[in-house]
Amino acid sequence: MDTYNFIRRNKVDIFDVYLLTPFPGTPIWEYAEERGLVHDEMDWDKLSFRFSDHFESVVILSECLTREDLVGLYKKFKRLRWAYLAKNVWKSPYLFKLPGIFWGQVKEKTVKFFG
């Protein structure tokens, strides 16, 4: 919540949200490996940095928050992100990409729904 409050206090124009993902060769991988969360023969889809696409299967490193807690926090950050993007659209480098972003989201959700 410190990060969330920092963003709100400082009125940043653009930000994005990611969960920490362990990748091979990093200290975080070693930490996750010690906890039995990852191994060399695992399903690599669990290492997706796109939490919203794979929230039911990604590796969760938190020792305090449940998967459901993290999904709720992630959605809260995403709502704030979209509110800021809408408010600051005229300053955004994404302005000319908005139609493509919108239709990309529609396509992604449609494929996921009808999958």
PDB file of N, CA and C in Angstrom:
ATOM      1  N   MET A   1       0.816  -1.188   0.000  1.00  0.00           N
ATOM      2  CA  MET A   1       0.000   0.000   0.000  1.00  0.00           C
ATOM      3  C   MET A   1       0.860   1.253   0.000  1.00  0.00           C
ATOM      4  N   ASP A   2       2.117   1.140   0.456  1.00  0.00           N
ATOM      5  CA  ASP A   2       3.013   2.301   0.403  1.00  0.00           C
ATOM      6  C   ASP A   2       3.204   2.763  -1.034  1.00  0.00           C
ATOM      7  N   THR A   3       3.389   1.816  -1.944  1.00  0.00           N
ATOM      8  CA  THR A   3       3.567   2.165  -3.356  1.00  0.00           C
ATOM      9  C   THR A   3       2.304   2.797  -3.914  1.00  0.00           C
ATOM     10  N   TYR A   4       1.163   2.236  -3.601  1.00  0.00           N
ATOM     11  CA  TYR A   4      -0.124   2.779  -4.060  1.00  0.00           C
ATOM     12  C   TYR A   4      -0.290   4.221  -3.570  1.00  0.00           C
ATOM     13  N   ASN A   5      -0.038   4.429  -2.292  1.00  0.00           N
ATOM     14  CA  ASN A   5      -0.174   5.770  -1.720  1.00  0.00           C
ATOM     15  C   ASN A   5       0.859   6.741  -2.296  1.00  0.00           C
ATOM     16  N   PHE A   6       2.064   6.251  -2.572  1.00  0.00           N
ATOM     17  CA  PHE A   6       3.086   7.090  -3.215  1.00  0.00           C
ATOM     18  C   PHE A   6       2.595   7.588  -4.579  1.00  0.00           C
ATOM     19  N   ILE A   7       2.029   6.687  -5.366  1.00  0.00           N
ATOM     20  CA  ILE A   7       1.519   7.047  -6.697  1.00  0.00           C
ATOM     21  C   ILE A   7       0.423   8.100  -6.564  1.00  0.00           C
ATOM     22  N   ARG A   8      -0.497   7.899  -5.647  1.00  0.00           N
ATOM     23  CA  ARG A   8      -1.601   8.859  -5.465  1.00  0.00           C
ATOM     24  C   ARG A   8      -1.088  10.217  -4.980  1.00  0.00           C
ATOM     25  N   ARG A   9      -0.157  10.213  -4.041  1.00  0.00           N
ATOM     26  CA  ARG A   9       0.389  11.459  -3.484  1.00  0.00           C
ATOM     27  C   ARG A   9       1.163  12.259  -4.515  1.00  0.00           C
ATOM     28  N   ASN A  10       1.904  11.566  -5.373  1.00  0.00           N
ATOM     29  CA  ASN A  10       2.797  12.243  -6.297  1.00  0.00           C
ATOM     30  C   ASN A  10       2.199  12.469  -7.674  1.00  0.00           C
ATOM     31  N   LYS A  11       0.980  12.042  -7.874  1.00  0.00           N
ATOM     32  CA  LYS A  11       0.264  12.323  -9.116  1.00  0.00           C
ATOM     33  C   LYS A  11       1.087  11.984 -10.362  1.00  0.00           C
ATOM     34  N   VAL A  12       1.671  10.811 -10.377  1.00  0.00           N
ATOM     35  CA  VAL A  12       2.424  10.400 -11.558  1.00  0.00           C
ATOM     36  C   VAL A  12       1.476  10.315 -12.750  1.00  0.00           C
ATOM     37  N   ASP A  13       1.998  10.550 -13.931  1.00  0.00           N
ATOM     38  CA  ASP A  13       1.168  10.521 -15.134  1.00  0.00           C
ATOM     39  C   ASP A  13       0.911   9.103 -15.628  1.00  0.00           C
ATOM     40  N   ILE A  14       1.954   8.289 -15.622  1.00  0.00           N
ATOM     41  CA  ILE A  14       1.857   6.932 -16.174  1.00  0.00           C
ATOM     42  C   ILE A  14       2.621   5.978 -15.266  1.00  0.00           C
ATOM     43  N   PHE A  15       2.050   4.835 -15.028  1.00  0.00           N
ATOM     44  CA  PHE A  15       2.742   3.768 -14.306  1.00  0.00           C
ATOM     45  C   PHE A  15       2.134   2.448 -14.744  1.00  0.00           C
ATOM     46  N   ASP A  16       2.810   1.370 -14.423  1.00  0.00           N
ATOM     47  CA  ASP A  16       2.273   0.045 -14.707  1.00  0.00           C
ATOM     48  C   ASP A  16       2.514  -0.833 -13.495  1.00  0.00           C
ATOM     49  N   VAL A  17       1.898  -1.986 -13.480  1.00  0.00           N
ATOM     50  CA  VAL A  17       1.910  -2.851 -12.310  1.00  0.00           C
ATOM     51  C   VAL A  17       2.389  -4.241 -12.700  1.00  0.00           C
ATOM     52  N   TYR A  18       3.350  -4.750 -11.956  1.00  0.00           N
ATOM     53  CA  TYR A  18       3.857  -6.102 -12.174  1.00  0.00           C
ATOM     54  C   TYR A  18       4.115  -6.757 -10.829  1.00  0.00           C
ATOM     55  N   LEU A  19       4.006  -8.063 -10.783  1.00  0.00           N
ATOM     56  CA  LEU A  19       4.424  -8.818  -9.605  1.00  0.00           C
ATOM     57  C   LEU A  19       5.833  -9.333  -9.854  1.00  0.00           C
ATOM     58  N   LEU A  20       6.581  -9.455  -8.795  1.00  0.00           N
ATOM     59  CA  LEU A  20       7.941  -9.963  -8.898  1.00  0.00           C
ATOM     60  C   LEU A  20       7.908 -11.393  -9.404  1.00  0.00           C
ATOM     61  N   THR A  21       8.651 -11.639 -10.475  1.00  0.00           N
ATOM     62  CA  THR A  21       8.675 -12.960 -11.106  1.00  0.00           C
ATOM     63  C   THR A  21      10.077 -13.542 -11.012  1.00  0.00           C
ATOM     64  N   PRO A  22      10.210 -14.754 -10.471  1.00  0.00           N
ATOM     65  CA  PRO A  22      11.540 -15.368 -10.403  1.00  0.00           C
ATOM     66  C   PRO A  22      11.951 -15.915 -11.772  1.00  0.00           C
ATOM     67  N   PHE A  23      13.119 -15.525 -12.224  1.00  0.00           N
ATOM     68  CA  PHE A  23      13.663 -16.058 -13.472  1.00  0.00           C
ATOM     69  C   PHE A  23      14.984 -16.751 -13.182  1.00  0.00           C
ATOM     70  N   PRO A  24      15.268 -17.838 -13.910  1.00  0.00           N
ATOM     71  CA  PRO A  24      16.513 -18.588 -13.683  1.00  0.00           C
ATOM     72  C   PRO A  24      17.738 -17.671 -13.735  1.00  0.00           C
ATOM     73  N   GLY A  25      18.666 -17.965 -12.828  1.00  0.00           N
ATOM     74  CA  GLY A  25      19.911 -17.205 -12.787  1.00  0.00           C
ATOM     75  C   GLY A  25      19.852 -15.959 -11.920  1.00  0.00           C
ATOM     76  N   THR A  26      18.709 -15.700 -11.291  1.00  0.00           N
ATOM     77  CA  THR A  26      18.574 -14.525 -10.430  1.00  0.00           C
ATOM     78  C   THR A  26      18.500 -14.951  -8.966  1.00  0.00           C
ATOM     79  N   PRO A  27      18.842 -14.054  -8.053  1.00  0.00           N
ATOM     80  CA  PRO A  27      18.706 -14.385  -6.628  1.00  0.00           C
ATOM     81  C   PRO A  27      17.263 -14.718  -6.239  1.00  0.00           C
ATOM     82  N   ILE A  28      16.296 -14.105  -6.905  1.00  0.00           N
ATOM     83  CA  ILE A  28      14.890 -14.397  -6.607  1.00  0.00           C
ATOM     84  C   ILE A  28      14.547 -15.829  -7.011  1.00  0.00           C
ATOM     85  N   TRP A  29      15.143 -16.311  -8.117  1.00  0.00           N
ATOM     86  CA  TRP A  29      14.945 -17.711  -8.526  1.00  0.00           C
ATOM     87  C   TRP A  29      15.459 -18.640  -7.429  1.00  0.00           C
ATOM     88  N   GLU A  30      16.639 -18.343  -6.924  1.00  0.00           N
ATOM     89  CA  GLU A  30      17.226 -19.179  -5.867  1.00  0.00           C
ATOM     90  C   GLU A  30      16.330 -19.195  -4.632  1.00  0.00           C
ATOM     91  N   TYR A  31      15.806 -18.039  -4.272  1.00  0.00           N
ATOM     92  CA  TYR A  31      14.887 -17.934  -3.132  1.00  0.00           C
ATOM     93  C   TYR A  31      13.639 -18.795  -3.374  1.00  0.00           C
ATOM     94  N   ALA A  32      13.044 -18.670  -4.568  1.00  0.00           N
ATOM     95  CA  ALA A  32      11.850 -19.439  -4.912  1.00  0.00           C
ATOM     96  C   ALA A  32      12.165 -20.937  -4.968  1.00  0.00           C
ATOM     97  N   GLU A  33      13.343 -21.274  -5.448  1.00  0.00           N
ATOM     98  CA  GLU A  33      13.762 -22.677  -5.536  1.00  0.00           C
ATOM     99  C   GLU A  33      13.904 -23.273  -4.130  1.00  0.00           C
ATOM    100  N   GLU A  34      14.502 -22.515  -3.219  1.00  0.00           N
ATOM    101  CA  GLU A  34      14.656 -22.972  -1.837  1.00  0.00           C
ATOM    102  C   GLU A  34      13.297 -23.217  -1.180  1.00  0.00           C
ATOM    103  N   ARG A  35      12.301 -22.453  -1.569  1.00  0.00           N
ATOM    104  CA  ARG A  35      10.951 -22.605  -1.010  1.00  0.00           C
ATOM    105  C   ARG A  35      10.131 -23.649  -1.763  1.00  0.00           C
ATOM    106  N   GLY A  36      10.710 -24.253  -2.804  1.00  0.00           N
ATOM    107  CA  GLY A  36      10.024 -25.287  -3.559  1.00  0.00           C
ATOM    108  C   GLY A  36       8.963 -24.755  -4.515  1.00  0.00           C
ATOM    109  N   LEU A  37       9.072 -23.480  -4.883  1.00  0.00           N
ATOM    110  CA  LEU A  37       8.085 -22.865  -5.771  1.00  0.00           C
ATOM    111  C   LEU A  37       8.445 -23.008  -7.242  1.00  0.00           C
ATOM    112  N   VAL A  38       9.720 -23.212  -7.539  1.00  0.00           N
ATOM    113  CA  VAL A  38      10.180 -23.348  -8.919  1.00  0.00           C
ATOM    114  C   VAL A  38      11.203 -24.468  -9.007  1.00  0.00           C
ATOM    115  N   HIS A  39      11.372 -24.988 -10.223  1.00  0.00           N
ATOM    116  CA  HIS A  39      12.420 -25.976 -10.493  1.00  0.00           C
ATOM    117  C   HIS A  39      12.643 -25.991 -12.001  1.00  0.00           C
ATOM    118  N   ASP A  40      13.714 -26.578 -12.411  1.00  0.00           N
ATOM    119  CA  ASP A  40      14.111 -26.543 -13.817  1.00  0.00           C
ATOM    120  C   ASP A  40      13.148 -27.268 -14.755  1.00  0.00           C
ATOM    121  N   GLU A  41      12.359 -28.187 -14.262  1.00  0.00           N
ATOM    122  CA  GLU A  41      11.449 -28.964 -15.111  1.00  0.00           C
ATOM    123  C   GLU A  41       9.994 -28.496 -14.989  1.00  0.00           C
ATOM    124  N   MET A  42       9.783 -27.276 -14.558  1.00  0.00           N
ATOM    125  CA  MET A  42       8.429 -26.785 -14.299  1.00  0.00           C
ATOM    126  C   MET A  42       7.729 -26.280 -15.554  1.00  0.00           C
ATOM    127  N   ASP A  43       6.452 -25.998 -15.433  1.00  0.00           N
ATOM    128  CA  ASP A  43       5.664 -25.366 -16.495  1.00  0.00           C
ATOM    129  C   ASP A  43       6.071 -23.894 -16.553  1.00  0.00           C
ATOM    130  N   TRP A  44       6.713 -23.480 -17.627  1.00  0.00           N
ATOM    131  CA  TRP A  44       7.275 -22.131 -17.722  1.00  0.00           C
ATOM    132  C   TRP A  44       6.207 -21.052 -17.840  1.00  0.00           C
ATOM    133  N   ASP A  45       4.969 -21.426 -18.121  1.00  0.00           N
ATOM    134  CA  ASP A  45       3.879 -20.446 -18.122  1.00  0.00           C
ATOM    135  C   ASP A  45       3.679 -19.851 -16.737  1.00  0.00           C
ATOM    136  N   LYS A  46       4.110 -20.557 -15.701  1.00  0.00           N
ATOM    137  CA  LYS A  46       3.973 -20.049 -14.341  1.00  0.00           C
ATOM    138  C   LYS A  46       4.915 -18.880 -14.073  1.00  0.00           C
ATOM    139  N   LEU A  47       5.814 -18.603 -15.007  1.00  0.00           N
ATOM    140  CA  LEU A  47       6.748 -17.497 -14.843  1.00  0.00           C
ATOM    141  C   LEU A  47       6.344 -16.277 -15.664  1.00  0.00           C
ATOM    142  N   SER A  48       5.132 -16.241 -16.123  1.00  0.00           N
ATOM    143  CA  SER A  48       4.668 -15.110 -16.913  1.00  0.00           C
ATOM    144  C   SER A  48       4.661 -13.849 -16.068  1.00  0.00           C
ATOM    145  N   PHE A  49       5.188 -12.766 -16.625  1.00  0.00           N
ATOM    146  CA  PHE A  49       5.144 -11.488 -15.917  1.00  0.00           C
ATOM    147  C   PHE A  49       3.787 -10.817 -16.087  1.00  0.00           C
ATOM    148  N   ARG A  50       2.931 -11.388 -16.940  1.00  0.00           N
ATOM    149  CA  ARG A  50       1.589 -10.828 -17.162  1.00  0.00           C
ATOM    150  C   ARG A  50       0.619 -11.489 -16.186  1.00  0.00           C
ATOM    151  N   PHE A  51       0.610 -10.987 -14.993  1.00  0.00           N
ATOM    152  CA  PHE A  51      -0.187 -11.541 -13.902  1.00  0.00           C
ATOM    153  C   PHE A  51      -1.655 -11.657 -14.276  1.00  0.00           C
ATOM    154  N   SER A  52      -2.195 -10.661 -14.960  1.00  0.00           N
ATOM    155  CA  SER A  52      -3.623 -10.671 -15.283  1.00  0.00           C
ATOM    156  C   SER A  52      -4.000 -11.821 -16.219  1.00  0.00           C
ATOM    157  N   ASP A  53      -3.058 -12.300 -17.006  1.00  0.00           N
ATOM    158  CA  ASP A  53      -3.339 -13.396 -17.932  1.00  0.00           C
ATOM    159  C   ASP A  53      -3.244 -14.770 -17.271  1.00  0.00           C
ATOM    160  N   HIS A  54      -2.472 -14.865 -16.206  1.00  0.00           N
ATOM    161  CA  HIS A  54      -2.200 -16.170 -15.596  1.00  0.00           C
ATOM    162  C   HIS A  54      -2.286 -16.121 -14.069  1.00  0.00           C
ATOM    163  N   PHE A  55      -3.174 -15.277 -13.522  1.00  0.00           N
ATOM    164  CA  PHE A  55      -3.182 -15.082 -12.077  1.00  0.00           C
ATOM    165  C   PHE A  55      -3.478 -16.360 -11.295  1.00  0.00           C
ATOM    166  N   GLU A  56      -4.114 -17.334 -11.941  1.00  0.00           N
ATOM    167  CA  GLU A  56      -4.442 -18.569 -11.230  1.00  0.00           C
ATOM    168  C   GLU A  56      -3.246 -19.514 -11.127  1.00  0.00           C
ATOM    169  N   SER A  57      -2.173 -19.269 -11.898  1.00  0.00           N
ATOM    170  CA  SER A  57      -1.066 -20.227 -11.898  1.00  0.00           C
ATOM    171  C   SER A  57       0.323 -19.627 -11.691  1.00  0.00           C
ATOM    172  N   VAL A  58       0.476 -18.303 -11.738  1.00  0.00           N
ATOM    173  CA  VAL A  58       1.815 -17.725 -11.593  1.00  0.00           C
ATOM    174  C   VAL A  58       2.389 -18.013 -10.210  1.00  0.00           C
ATOM    175  N   VAL A  59       3.705 -18.000 -10.141  1.00  0.00           N
ATOM    176  CA  VAL A  59       4.401 -18.237  -8.882  1.00  0.00           C
ATOM    177  C   VAL A  59       4.194 -17.025  -7.973  1.00  0.00           C
ATOM    178  N   ILE A  60       3.716 -17.273  -6.764  1.00  0.00           N
ATOM    179  CA  ILE A  60       3.500 -16.222  -5.775  1.00  0.00           C
ATOM    180  C   ILE A  60       4.596 -16.342  -4.729  1.00  0.00           C
ATOM    181  N   LEU A  61       5.400 -15.300  -4.592  1.00  0.00           N
ATOM    182  CA  LEU A  61       6.522 -15.314  -3.665  1.00  0.00           C
ATOM    183  C   LEU A  61       6.164 -14.800  -2.273  1.00  0.00           C
ATOM    184  N   SER A  62       5.050 -14.110  -2.156  1.00  0.00           N
ATOM    185  CA  SER A  62       4.679 -13.497  -0.882  1.00  0.00           C
ATOM    186  C   SER A  62       4.505 -14.544   0.208  1.00  0.00           C
ATOM    187  N   GLU A  63       5.033 -14.236   1.359  1.00  0.00           N
ATOM    188  CA  GLU A  63       4.844 -15.090   2.524  1.00  0.00           C
ATOM    189  C   GLU A  63       3.706 -14.559   3.394  1.00  0.00           C
ATOM    190  N   CYS A  64       3.163 -13.391   3.029  1.00  0.00           N
ATOM    191  CA  CYS A  64       2.136 -12.743   3.843  1.00  0.00           C
ATOM    192  C   CYS A  64       0.778 -12.682   3.164  1.00  0.00           C
ATOM    193  N   LEU A  65       0.773 -12.509   1.842  1.00  0.00           N
ATOM    194  CA  LEU A  65      -0.476 -12.313   1.114  1.00  0.00           C
ATOM    195  C   LEU A  65      -0.851 -13.559   0.327  1.00  0.00           C
ATOM    196  N   THR A  66      -2.129 -13.843   0.313  1.00  0.00           N
ATOM    197  CA  THR A  66      -2.617 -14.981  -0.475  1.00  0.00           C
ATOM    198  C   THR A  66      -2.730 -14.565  -1.937  1.00  0.00           C
ATOM    199  N   ARG A  67      -2.926 -15.543  -2.785  1.00  0.00           N
ATOM    200  CA  ARG A  67      -3.150 -15.276  -4.211  1.00  0.00           C
ATOM    201  C   ARG A  67      -4.359 -14.354  -4.375  1.00  0.00           C
ATOM    202  N   GLU A  68      -5.413 -14.608  -3.613  1.00  0.00           N
ATOM    203  CA  GLU A  68      -6.622 -13.789  -3.701  1.00  0.00           C
ATOM    204  C   GLU A  68      -6.343 -12.349  -3.262  1.00  0.00           C
ATOM    205  N   ASP A  69      -5.543 -12.186  -2.199  1.00  0.00           N
ATOM    206  CA  ASP A  69      -5.155 -10.842  -1.754  1.00  0.00           C
ATOM    207  C   ASP A  69      -4.415 -10.106  -2.870  1.00  0.00           C
ATOM    208  N   LEU A  70      -3.476 -10.810  -3.508  1.00  0.00           N
ATOM    209  CA  LEU A  70      -2.685 -10.188  -4.569  1.00  0.00           C
ATOM    210  C   LEU A  70      -3.529  -9.853  -5.789  1.00  0.00           C
ATOM    211  N   VAL A  71      -4.491 -10.705  -6.114  1.00  0.00           N
ATOM    212  CA  VAL A  71      -5.396 -10.408  -7.230  1.00  0.00           C
ATOM    213  C   VAL A  71      -6.171  -9.132  -6.917  1.00  0.00           C
ATOM    214  N   GLY A  72      -6.676  -9.009  -5.699  1.00  0.00           N
ATOM    215  CA  GLY A  72      -7.408  -7.815  -5.303  1.00  0.00           C
ATOM    216  C   GLY A  72      -6.550  -6.566  -5.371  1.00  0.00           C
ATOM    217  N   LEU A  73      -5.325  -6.641  -4.868  1.00  0.00           N
ATOM    218  CA  LEU A  73      -4.412  -5.491  -4.927  1.00  0.00           C
ATOM    219  C   LEU A  73      -4.046  -5.147  -6.362  1.00  0.00           C
ATOM    220  N   TYR A  74      -3.802  -6.165  -7.160  1.00  0.00           N
ATOM    221  CA  TYR A  74      -3.457  -5.949  -8.559  1.00  0.00           C
ATOM    222  C   TYR A  74      -4.586  -5.205  -9.273  1.00  0.00           C
ATOM    223  N   LYS A  75      -5.821  -5.631  -9.033  1.00  0.00           N
ATOM    224  CA  LYS A  75      -6.967  -4.974  -9.655  1.00  0.00           C
ATOM    225  C   LYS A  75      -7.106  -3.535  -9.170  1.00  0.00           C
ATOM    226  N   LYS A  76      -6.814  -3.297  -7.900  1.00  0.00           N
ATOM    227  CA  LYS A  76      -6.878  -1.937  -7.358  1.00  0.00           C
ATOM    228  C   LYS A  76      -5.864  -1.036  -8.058  1.00  0.00           C
ATOM    229  N   PHE A  77      -4.639  -1.528  -8.244  1.00  0.00           N
ATOM    230  CA  PHE A  77      -3.610  -0.773  -8.962  1.00  0.00           C
ATOM    231  C   PHE A  77      -4.009  -0.539 -10.414  1.00  0.00           C
ATOM    232  N   LYS A  78      -4.574  -1.565 -11.050  1.00  0.00           N
ATOM    233  CA  LYS A  78      -4.973  -1.426 -12.453  1.00  0.00           C
ATOM    234  C   LYS A  78      -6.084  -0.380 -12.605  1.00  0.00           C
ATOM    235  N   ARG A  79      -7.046  -0.366 -11.671  1.00  0.00           N
ATOM    236  CA  ARG A  79      -8.092   0.663 -11.731  1.00  0.00           C
ATOM    237  C   ARG A  79      -7.491   2.053 -11.608  1.00  0.00           C
ATOM    238  N   LEU A  80      -6.544   2.218 -10.678  1.00  0.00           N
ATOM    239  CA  LEU A  80      -5.875   3.508 -10.521  1.00  0.00           C
ATOM    240  C   LEU A  80      -5.105   3.863 -11.785  1.00  0.00           C
ATOM    241  N   ARG A  81      -4.437   2.878 -12.372  1.00  0.00           N
ATOM    242  CA  ARG A  81      -3.677   3.117 -13.605  1.00  0.00           C
ATOM    243  C   ARG A  81      -4.597   3.607 -14.723  1.00  0.00           C
ATOM    244  N   TRP A  82      -5.731   2.934 -14.910  1.00  0.00           N
ATOM    245  CA  TRP A  82      -6.651   3.334 -15.975  1.00  0.00           C
ATOM    246  C   TRP A  82      -7.261   4.709 -15.699  1.00  0.00           C
ATOM    247  N   ALA A  83      -7.523   5.011 -14.434  1.00  0.00           N
ATOM    248  CA  ALA A  83      -8.048   6.334 -14.091  1.00  0.00           C
ATOM    249  C   ALA A  83      -7.016   7.411 -14.424  1.00  0.00           C
ATOM    250  N   TYR A  84      -5.752   7.152 -14.098  1.00  0.00           N
ATOM    251  CA  TYR A  84      -4.692   8.120 -14.403  1.00  0.00           C
ATOM    252  C   TYR A  84      -4.488   8.258 -15.905  1.00  0.00           C
ATOM    253  N   LEU A  85      -4.530   7.127 -16.616  1.00  0.00           N
ATOM    254  CA  LEU A  85      -4.378   7.198 -18.069  1.00  0.00           C
ATOM    255  C   LEU A  85      -5.504   8.014 -18.697  1.00  0.00           C
ATOM    256  N   ALA A  86      -6.729   7.800 -18.220  1.00  0.00           N
ATOM    257  CA  ALA A  86      -7.868   8.547 -18.764  1.00  0.00           C
ATOM    258  C   ALA A  86      -7.723  10.044 -18.465  1.00  0.00           C
ATOM    259  N   LYS A  87      -7.287  10.351 -17.264  1.00  0.00           N
ATOM    260  CA  LYS A  87      -7.132  11.753 -16.853  1.00  0.00           C
ATOM    261  C   LYS A  87      -5.984  12.437 -17.589  1.00  0.00           C
ATOM    262  N   ASN A  88      -4.935  11.705 -17.855  1.00  0.00           N
ATOM    263  CA  ASN A  88      -3.726  12.288 -18.437  1.00  0.00           C
ATOM    264  C   ASN A  88      -3.509  11.882 -19.890  1.00  0.00           C
ATOM    265  N   VAL A  89      -4.572  11.460 -20.553  1.00  0.00           N
ATOM    266  CA  VAL A  89      -4.436  10.931 -21.905  1.00  0.00           C
ATOM    267  C   VAL A  89      -3.765  11.934 -22.841  1.00  0.00           C
ATOM    268  N   TRP A  90      -4.007  13.197 -22.668  1.00  0.00           N
ATOM    269  CA  TRP A  90      -3.450  14.203 -23.587  1.00  0.00           C
ATOM    270  C   TRP A  90      -1.949  14.364 -23.412  1.00  0.00           C
ATOM    271  N   LYS A  91      -1.424  13.947 -22.267  1.00  0.00           N
ATOM    272  CA  LYS A  91       0.024  14.013 -22.032  1.00  0.00           C
ATOM    273  C   LYS A  91       0.711  12.679 -22.322  1.00  0.00           C
ATOM    274  N   SER A  92      -0.069  11.687 -22.617  1.00  0.00           N
ATOM    275  CA  SER A  92       0.442  10.327 -22.729  1.00  0.00           C
ATOM    276  C   SER A  92       1.105  10.048 -24.077  1.00  0.00           C
ATOM    277  N   PRO A  93       2.238   9.356 -24.039  1.00  0.00           N
ATOM    278  CA  PRO A  93       2.842   8.912 -25.301  1.00  0.00           C
ATOM    279  C   PRO A  93       2.002   7.823 -25.969  1.00  0.00           C
ATOM    280  N   TYR A  94       1.027   7.292 -25.256  1.00  0.00           N
ATOM    281  CA  TYR A  94       0.151   6.265 -25.791  1.00  0.00           C
ATOM    282  C   TYR A  94      -1.040   6.829 -26.560  1.00  0.00           C
ATOM    283  N   LEU A  95      -1.171   8.150 -26.603  1.00  0.00           N
ATOM    284  CA  LEU A  95      -2.353   8.767 -27.200  1.00  0.00           C
ATOM    285  C   LEU A  95      -2.665   8.211 -28.581  1.00  0.00           C
ATOM    286  N   PHE A  96      -1.662   8.114 -29.418  1.00  0.00           N
ATOM    287  CA  PHE A  96      -1.899   7.648 -30.779  1.00  0.00           C
ATOM    288  C   PHE A  96      -2.020   6.129 -30.857  1.00  0.00           C
ATOM    289  N   LYS A  97      -1.698   5.469 -29.764  1.00  0.00           N
ATOM    290  CA  LYS A  97      -1.803   4.012 -29.733  1.00  0.00           C
ATOM    291  C   LYS A  97      -3.102   3.537 -29.083  1.00  0.00           C
ATOM    292  N   LEU A  98      -3.900   4.461 -28.555  1.00  0.00           N
ATOM    293  CA  LEU A  98      -5.102   4.076 -27.815  1.00  0.00           C
ATOM    294  C   LEU A  98      -6.056   3.178 -28.604  1.00  0.00           C
ATOM    295  N   PRO A  99      -6.364   3.490 -29.860  1.00  0.00           N
ATOM    296  CA  PRO A  99      -7.274   2.575 -30.578  1.00  0.00           C
ATOM    297  C   PRO A  99      -6.719   1.146 -30.653  1.00  0.00           C
ATOM    298  N   GLY A 100      -5.439   1.015 -30.924  1.00  0.00           N
ATOM    299  CA  GLY A 100      -4.831  -0.315 -30.991  1.00  0.00           C
ATOM    300  C   GLY A 100      -4.818  -1.012 -29.645  1.00  0.00           C
ATOM    301  N   ILE A 101      -4.549  -0.245 -28.579  1.00  0.00           N
ATOM    302  CA  ILE A 101      -4.561  -0.808 -27.229  1.00  0.00           C
ATOM    303  C   ILE A 101      -5.968  -1.287 -26.888  1.00  0.00           C
ATOM    304  N   PHE A 102      -6.951  -0.443 -27.176  1.00  0.00           N
ATOM    305  CA  PHE A 102      -8.341  -0.801 -26.891  1.00  0.00           C
ATOM    306  C   PHE A 102      -8.741  -2.078 -27.612  1.00  0.00           C
ATOM    307  N   TRP A 103      -8.513  -2.127 -28.922  1.00  0.00           N
ATOM    308  CA  TRP A 103      -8.925  -3.300 -29.690  1.00  0.00           C
ATOM    309  C   TRP A 103      -8.096  -4.522 -29.327  1.00  0.00           C
ATOM    310  N   GLY A 104      -6.855  -4.307 -28.916  1.00  0.00           N
ATOM    311  CA  GLY A 104      -6.037  -5.422 -28.439  1.00  0.00           C
ATOM    312  C   GLY A 104      -6.627  -6.028 -27.169  1.00  0.00           C
ATOM    313  N   GLN A 105      -7.107  -5.154 -26.273  1.00  0.00           N
ATOM    314  CA  GLN A 105      -7.741  -5.638 -25.042  1.00  0.00           C
ATOM    315  C   GLN A 105      -9.040  -6.383 -25.355  1.00  0.00           C
ATOM    316  N   VAL A 106      -9.833  -5.827 -26.275  1.00  0.00           N
ATOM    317  CA  VAL A 106     -11.085  -6.477 -26.661  1.00  0.00           C
ATOM    318  C   VAL A 106     -10.794  -7.859 -27.237  1.00  0.00           C
ATOM    319  N   LYS A 107      -9.818  -7.934 -28.128  1.00  0.00           N
ATOM    320  CA  LYS A 107      -9.461  -9.211 -28.750  1.00  0.00           C
ATOM    321  C   LYS A 107      -8.981 -10.214 -27.699  1.00  0.00           C
ATOM    322  N   GLU A 108      -8.099  -9.733 -26.808  1.00  0.00           N
ATOM    323  CA  GLU A 108      -7.545 -10.592 -25.772  1.00  0.00           C
ATOM    324  C   GLU A 108      -8.647 -11.154 -24.875  1.00  0.00           C
ATOM    325  N   LYS A 109      -9.572 -10.313 -24.458  1.00  0.00           N
ATOM    326  CA  LYS A 109     -10.666 -10.763 -23.579  1.00  0.00           C
ATOM    327  C   LYS A 109     -11.627 -11.687 -24.336  1.00  0.00           C
ATOM    328  N   THR A 110     -11.854 -11.399 -25.606  1.00  0.00           N
ATOM    329  CA  THR A 110     -12.746 -12.243 -26.410  1.00  0.00           C
ATOM    330  C   THR A 110     -12.155 -13.639 -26.580  1.00  0.00           C
ATOM    331  N   VAL A 111     -10.872 -13.696 -26.905  1.00  0.00           N
ATOM    332  CA  VAL A 111     -10.206 -14.992 -27.067  1.00  0.00           C
ATOM    333  C   VAL A 111     -10.210 -15.757 -25.759  1.00  0.00           C
ATOM    334  N   LYS A 112      -9.946 -15.051 -24.653  1.00  0.00           N
ATOM    335  CA  LYS A 112      -9.940 -15.698 -23.352  1.00  0.00           C
ATOM    336  C   LYS A 112     -11.335 -16.236 -23.016  1.00  0.00           C
ATOM    337  N   PHE A 113     -12.364 -15.456 -23.327  1.00  0.00           N
ATOM    338  CA  PHE A 113     -13.751 -15.851 -23.020  1.00  0.00           C
ATOM    339  C   PHE A 113     -14.199 -17.036 -23.847  1.00  0.00           C
ATOM    340  N   PHE A 114     -13.937 -16.973 -25.151  1.00  0.00           N
ATOM    341  CA  PHE A 114     -14.405 -18.024 -26.060  1.00  0.00           C
ATOM    342  C   PHE A 114     -13.373 -19.133 -26.248  1.00  0.00           C
ATOM    343  N   GLY A 115     -12.127 -18.841 -25.799  1.00  0.00           N
ATOM    344  CA  GLY A 115     -10.968 -19.644 -25.905  1.00  0.00           C
ATOM    345  C   GLY A 115     -10.999 -21.004 -26.336  1.00  0.00           C
TER     346      GLY A 115
END
